[in-house]
Amino acid sequence: MAHTLGMRVVAEGVETTEQRDWLVEERCDLAQGWLYARAMDAESFIATLRSQQQVVTGVRAVPGADRSSHNTAPCVSD
């Protein structure tokens, strides 16, 4: 429904590859959670980004995602 309304879908709290795979199948646009990284202070975050710069620059855009829009909807499952 969110995509129909022109919104991007963001999943929070993704902890397992099974959750990630389900979100991909359901066309979730963005995700965050412990699967990707534990909580960290700003200095650690910057160091992590710098160490993974090639990985980050290799991320492909989600087809149909409107990068100028800040409209998002949460993606939740039972």
C-alpha atoms as a PDB file:
ATOM      1  CA  MET A   1       0.000   0.000   0.000  1.00  0.00           C
ATOM      2  CA  ALA A   2       2.820   2.434   0.846  1.00  0.00           C
ATOM      3  CA  HIS A   3       4.318   2.150  -2.642  1.00  0.00           C
ATOM      4  CA  THR A   4       0.896   2.858  -4.163  1.00  0.00           C
ATOM      5  CA  LEU A   5       0.798   6.072  -2.111  1.00  0.00           C
ATOM      6  CA  GLY A   6       4.255   7.088  -3.365  1.00  0.00           C
ATOM      7  CA  MET A   7       5.959   6.293  -0.075  1.00  0.00           C
ATOM      8  CA  ARG A   8       9.121   4.320   0.635  1.00  0.00           C
ATOM      9  CA  VAL A   9       8.957   1.484   3.153  1.00  0.00           C
ATOM     10  CA  VAL A  10      11.472   1.342   6.026  1.00  0.00           C
ATOM     11  CA  ALA A  11      11.917  -1.705   8.251  1.00  0.00           C
ATOM     12  CA  GLU A  12      13.440  -1.216  11.683  1.00  0.00           C
ATOM     13  CA  GLY A  13      14.844  -3.847  13.994  1.00  0.00           C
ATOM     14  CA  VAL A  14      15.977  -6.340  11.360  1.00  0.00           C
ATOM     15  CA  GLU A  15      17.990  -8.991  13.222  1.00  0.00           C
ATOM     16  CA  THR A  16      18.030 -12.122  11.042  1.00  0.00           C
ATOM     17  CA  THR A  17      18.688 -13.056   7.428  1.00  0.00           C
ATOM     18  CA  GLU A  18      15.221 -14.610   7.346  1.00  0.00           C
ATOM     19  CA  GLN A  19      13.673 -11.232   8.212  1.00  0.00           C
ATOM     20  CA  ARG A  20      15.840  -9.522   5.597  1.00  0.00           C
ATOM     21  CA  ASP A  21      14.877 -12.047   2.915  1.00  0.00           C
ATOM     22  CA  TRP A  22      11.169 -11.619   3.698  1.00  0.00           C
ATOM     23  CA  LEU A  23      11.520  -7.835   3.506  1.00  0.00           C
ATOM     24  CA  VAL A  24      13.257  -8.105   0.130  1.00  0.00           C
ATOM     25  CA  GLU A  25      10.445 -10.339  -1.162  1.00  0.00           C
ATOM     26  CA  GLU A  26       7.892  -7.783   0.069  1.00  0.00           C
ATOM     27  CA  ARG A  27       9.744  -4.956  -1.727  1.00  0.00           C
ATOM     28  CA  CYS A  28      10.816  -3.111   1.415  1.00  0.00           C
ATOM     29  CA  ASP A  29      12.988  -0.159   0.329  1.00  0.00           C
ATOM     30  CA  LEU A  30      15.221   0.351   3.365  1.00  0.00           C
ATOM     31  CA  ALA A  31      16.083  -1.565   6.510  1.00  0.00           C
ATOM     32  CA  GLN A  32      18.103  -1.095   9.649  1.00  0.00           C
ATOM     33  CA  GLY A  33      18.882  -3.253  12.606  1.00  0.00           C
ATOM     34  CA  TRP A  34      21.429  -5.470  14.313  1.00  0.00           C
ATOM     35  CA  LEU A  35      21.803  -7.636  11.208  1.00  0.00           C
ATOM     36  CA  TYR A  36      23.610  -4.706   9.595  1.00  0.00           C
ATOM     37  CA  ALA A  37      25.321  -3.085  12.612  1.00  0.00           C
ATOM     38  CA  ARG A  38      25.081  -2.751  16.364  1.00  0.00           C
ATOM     39  CA  ALA A  39      24.420   0.649  17.922  1.00  0.00           C
ATOM     40  CA  MET A  40      27.582   2.775  17.984  1.00  0.00           C
ATOM     41  CA  ASP A  41      28.770   6.264  18.822  1.00  0.00           C
ATOM     42  CA  ALA A  42      29.325   8.841  16.069  1.00  0.00           C
ATOM     43  CA  GLU A  43      33.099   8.338  15.947  1.00  0.00           C
ATOM     44  CA  SER A  44      32.729   4.573  15.477  1.00  0.00           C
ATOM     45  CA  PHE A  45      30.042   5.142  12.832  1.00  0.00           C
ATOM     46  CA  ILE A  46      32.332   7.402  10.801  1.00  0.00           C
ATOM     47  CA  ALA A  47      35.201   4.895  11.072  1.00  0.00           C
ATOM     48  CA  THR A  48      32.888   2.095   9.923  1.00  0.00           C
ATOM     49  CA  LEU A  49      31.702   4.109   6.919  1.00  0.00           C
ATOM     50  CA  ARG A  50      35.262   4.912   5.924  1.00  0.00           C
ATOM     51  CA  SER A  51      36.339   1.282   6.199  1.00  0.00           C
ATOM     52  CA  GLN A  52      33.407   0.143   4.067  1.00  0.00           C
ATOM     53  CA  GLN A  53      33.496   2.974   1.537  1.00  0.00           C
ATOM     54  CA  GLN A  54      33.762   0.644  -1.466  1.00  0.00           C
ATOM     55  CA  VAL A  55      30.811  -1.420  -0.218  1.00  0.00           C
ATOM     56  CA  VAL A  56      28.679   1.682   0.357  1.00  0.00           C
ATOM     57  CA  THR A  57      29.495   3.213  -3.037  1.00  0.00           C
ATOM     58  CA  GLY A  58      28.537  -0.083  -4.692  1.00  0.00           C
ATOM     59  CA  VAL A  59      24.947   0.010  -3.393  1.00  0.00           C
ATOM     60  CA  ARG A  60      22.418   0.109  -6.212  1.00  0.00           C
ATOM     61  CA  ALA A  61      19.383   2.363  -6.095  1.00  0.00           C
ATOM     62  CA  VAL A  62      16.030   0.703  -5.531  1.00  0.00           C
ATOM     63  CA  PRO A  63      14.100   0.780  -8.841  1.00  0.00           C
ATOM     64  CA  GLY A  64      11.204   3.205  -8.627  1.00  0.00           C
ATOM     65  CA  ALA A  65      12.338   4.795  -5.363  1.00  0.00           C
ATOM     66  CA  ASP A  66      11.907   8.546  -5.388  1.00  0.00           C
ATOM     67  CA  ARG A  67      15.096   9.826  -3.763  1.00  0.00           C
ATOM     68  CA  SER A  68      13.724  13.382  -3.474  1.00  0.00           C
ATOM     69  CA  SER A  69      10.795  12.297  -1.321  1.00  0.00           C
ATOM     70  CA  HIS A  70      10.977  11.870   2.422  1.00  0.00           C
ATOM     71  CA  ASN A  71       7.674  10.002   2.623  1.00  0.00           C
ATOM     72  CA  THR A  72       8.186   6.672   4.343  1.00  0.00           C
ATOM     73  CA  ALA A  73       5.997   4.020   5.894  1.00  0.00           C
ATOM     74  CA  PRO A  74       7.077   1.381   8.395  1.00  0.00           C
ATOM     75  CA  CYS A  75       7.205  -2.231   7.259  1.00  0.00           C
ATOM     76  CA  VAL A  76       5.928  -4.510  10.007  1.00  0.00           C
ATOM     77  CA  SER A  77       5.153  -8.199  10.269  1.00  0.00           C
ATOM     78  CA  ASP A  78       3.491 -10.342  12.932  1.00  0.00           C
END
